[in-house]
Amino acid sequence: MGFGWYLAALVYPVIIVGIIYFVIQSRASETGD
């Protein structure tokens, strides 16, 4: 039981950061920066 929330707490931040990073990269490429 405890391993589930630990894994989620470890994975979710990585996914969120990955999405944010992807959005920033796409916007940066659009502006040609």
PDB file of N, CA and C in Angstrom:
ATOM      1  N   MET A   1       0.835  -1.206   0.000  1.00  0.00           N
ATOM      2  CA  MET A   1       0.000   0.000   0.000  1.00  0.00           C
ATOM      3  C   MET A   1       0.869   1.255   0.000  1.00  0.00           C
ATOM      4  N   GLY A   2       1.850   1.302   0.915  1.00  0.00           N
ATOM      5  CA  GLY A   2       2.689   2.495   1.050  1.00  0.00           C
ATOM      6  C   GLY A   2       3.536   2.766  -0.191  1.00  0.00           C
ATOM      7  N   PHE A   3       3.864   1.691  -0.917  1.00  0.00           N
ATOM      8  CA  PHE A   3       4.727   1.870  -2.084  1.00  0.00           C
ATOM      9  C   PHE A   3       3.996   2.598  -3.206  1.00  0.00           C
ATOM     10  N   GLY A   4       2.676   2.443  -3.246  1.00  0.00           N
ATOM     11  CA  GLY A   4       1.894   3.069  -4.313  1.00  0.00           C
ATOM     12  C   GLY A   4       1.973   4.587  -4.269  1.00  0.00           C
ATOM     13  N   TRP A   5       1.717   5.155  -3.094  1.00  0.00           N
ATOM     14  CA  TRP A   5       1.731   6.625  -2.997  1.00  0.00           C
ATOM     15  C   TRP A   5       3.154   7.149  -3.112  1.00  0.00           C
ATOM     16  N   TYR A   6       4.139   6.342  -2.692  1.00  0.00           N
ATOM     17  CA  TYR A   6       5.536   6.753  -2.828  1.00  0.00           C
ATOM     18  C   TYR A   6       5.914   6.821  -4.299  1.00  0.00           C
ATOM     19  N   LEU A   7       5.494   5.820  -5.051  1.00  0.00           N
ATOM     20  CA  LEU A   7       5.791   5.800  -6.484  1.00  0.00           C
ATOM     21  C   LEU A   7       5.091   6.952  -7.190  1.00  0.00           C
ATOM     22  N   ALA A   8       3.828   7.200  -6.796  1.00  0.00           N
ATOM     23  CA  ALA A   8       3.067   8.292  -7.400  1.00  0.00           C
ATOM     24  C   ALA A   8       3.724   9.632  -7.088  1.00  0.00           C
ATOM     25  N   ALA A   9       4.148   9.807  -5.832  1.00  0.00           N
ATOM     26  CA  ALA A   9       4.781  11.060  -5.417  1.00  0.00           C
ATOM     27  C   ALA A   9       6.097  11.265  -6.159  1.00  0.00           C
ATOM     28  N   LEU A  10       6.700  10.169  -6.607  1.00  0.00           N
ATOM     29  CA  LEU A  10       7.977  10.266  -7.309  1.00  0.00           C
ATOM     30  C   LEU A  10       7.765  10.504  -8.803  1.00  0.00           C
ATOM     31  N   VAL A  11       6.686   9.940  -9.349  1.00  0.00           N
ATOM     32  CA  VAL A  11       6.457   9.992 -10.789  1.00  0.00           C
ATOM     33  C   VAL A  11       5.708  11.249 -11.213  1.00  0.00           C
ATOM     34  N   TYR A  12       4.665  11.612 -10.455  1.00  0.00           N
ATOM     35  CA  TYR A  12       3.836  12.754 -10.861  1.00  0.00           C
ATOM     36  C   TYR A  12       4.633  14.039 -11.056  1.00  0.00           C
ATOM     37  N   PRO A  13       5.520  14.429 -10.130  1.00  0.00           N
ATOM     38  CA  PRO A  13       6.316  15.653 -10.337  1.00  0.00           C
ATOM     39  C   PRO A  13       7.141  15.586 -11.620  1.00  0.00           C
ATOM     40  N   VAL A  14       7.663  14.413 -11.935  1.00  0.00           N
ATOM     41  CA  VAL A  14       8.468  14.262 -13.146  1.00  0.00           C
ATOM     42  C   VAL A  14       7.606  14.484 -14.386  1.00  0.00           C
ATOM     43  N   ILE A  15       6.386  13.944 -14.358  1.00  0.00           N
ATOM     44  CA  ILE A  15       5.472  14.113 -15.492  1.00  0.00           C
ATOM     45  C   ILE A  15       5.090  15.581 -15.650  1.00  0.00           C
ATOM     46  N   ILE A  16       4.777  16.236 -14.520  1.00  0.00           N
ATOM     47  CA  ILE A  16       4.370  17.640 -14.556  1.00  0.00           C
ATOM     48  C   ILE A  16       5.514  18.504 -15.088  1.00  0.00           C
ATOM     49  N   VAL A  17       6.716  18.282 -14.568  1.00  0.00           N
ATOM     50  CA  VAL A  17       7.879  19.048 -15.024  1.00  0.00           C
ATOM     51  C   VAL A  17       8.138  18.779 -16.505  1.00  0.00           C
ATOM     52  N   GLY A  18       7.947  17.535 -16.921  1.00  0.00           N
ATOM     53  CA  GLY A  18       8.152  17.177 -18.322  1.00  0.00           C
ATOM     54  C   GLY A  18       7.189  17.914 -19.238  1.00  0.00           C
ATOM     55  N   ILE A  19       5.924  18.008 -18.807  1.00  0.00           N
ATOM     56  CA  ILE A  19       4.917  18.714 -19.605  1.00  0.00           C
ATOM     57  C   ILE A  19       5.255  20.197 -19.681  1.00  0.00           C
ATOM     58  N   ILE A  20       5.605  20.789 -18.528  1.00  0.00           N
ATOM     59  CA  ILE A  20       5.954  22.210 -18.495  1.00  0.00           C
ATOM     60  C   ILE A  20       7.169  22.471 -19.384  1.00  0.00           C
ATOM     61  N   TYR A  21       8.176  21.593 -19.290  1.00  0.00           N
ATOM     62  CA  TYR A  21       9.380  21.747 -20.095  1.00  0.00           C
ATOM     63  C   TYR A  21       9.052  21.656 -21.589  1.00  0.00           C
ATOM     64  N   PHE A  22       8.147  20.721 -21.932  1.00  0.00           N
ATOM     65  CA  PHE A  22       7.754  20.549 -23.327  1.00  0.00           C
ATOM     66  C   PHE A  22       7.051  21.792 -23.853  1.00  0.00           C
ATOM     67  N   VAL A  23       6.177  22.379 -23.031  1.00  0.00           N
ATOM     68  CA  VAL A  23       5.450  23.586 -23.431  1.00  0.00           C
ATOM     69  C   VAL A  23       6.420  24.746 -23.627  1.00  0.00           C
ATOM     70  N   ILE A  24       7.370  24.887 -22.702  1.00  0.00           N
ATOM     71  CA  ILE A  24       8.355  25.965 -22.807  1.00  0.00           C
ATOM     72  C   ILE A  24       9.194  25.790 -24.074  1.00  0.00           C
ATOM     73  N   GLN A  25       9.606  24.561 -24.353  1.00  0.00           N
ATOM     74  CA  GLN A  25      10.420  24.296 -25.535  1.00  0.00           C
ATOM     75  C   GLN A  25       9.637  24.608 -26.810  1.00  0.00           C
ATOM     76  N   SER A  26       8.365  24.233 -26.847  1.00  0.00           N
ATOM     77  CA  SER A  26       7.547  24.476 -28.032  1.00  0.00           C
ATOM     78  C   SER A  26       7.331  25.973 -28.231  1.00  0.00           C
ATOM     79  N   ARG A  27       7.109  26.693 -27.141  1.00  0.00           N
ATOM     80  CA  ARG A  27       6.925  28.141 -27.239  1.00  0.00           C
ATOM     81  C   ARG A  27       8.229  28.814 -27.665  1.00  0.00           C
ATOM     82  N   ALA A  28       9.345  28.328 -27.162  1.00  0.00           N
ATOM     83  CA  ALA A  28      10.639  28.911 -27.502  1.00  0.00           C
ATOM     84  C   ALA A  28      10.924  28.712 -28.988  1.00  0.00           C
ATOM     85  N   SER A  29      10.556  27.557 -29.521  1.00  0.00           N
ATOM     86  CA  SER A  29      10.797  27.290 -30.935  1.00  0.00           C
ATOM     87  C   SER A  29       9.881  28.148 -31.805  1.00  0.00           C
ATOM     88  N   GLU A  30       8.680  28.428 -31.316  1.00  0.00           N
ATOM     89  CA  GLU A  30       7.742  29.253 -32.074  1.00  0.00           C
ATOM     90  C   GLU A  30       8.239  30.693 -32.173  1.00  0.00           C
ATOM     91  N   THR A  31       8.803  31.201 -31.069  1.00  0.00           N
ATOM     92  CA  THR A  31       9.291  32.577 -31.061  1.00  0.00           C
ATOM     93  C   THR A  31      10.650  32.675 -31.745  1.00  0.00           C
ATOM     94  N   GLY A  32      11.285  31.525 -31.993  1.00  0.00           N
ATOM     95  CA  GLY A  32      12.575  31.516 -32.648  1.00  0.00           C
ATOM     96  C   GLY A  32      13.686  31.962 -31.722  1.00  0.00           C
ATOM     97  N   ASP A  33      13.481  31.836 -30.418  1.00  0.00           N
ATOM     98  CA  ASP A  33      14.491  32.240 -29.452  1.00  0.00           C
ATOM     99  C   ASP A  33      15.596  31.194 -29.398  1.00  0.00           C
TER     100      ASP A  33
END
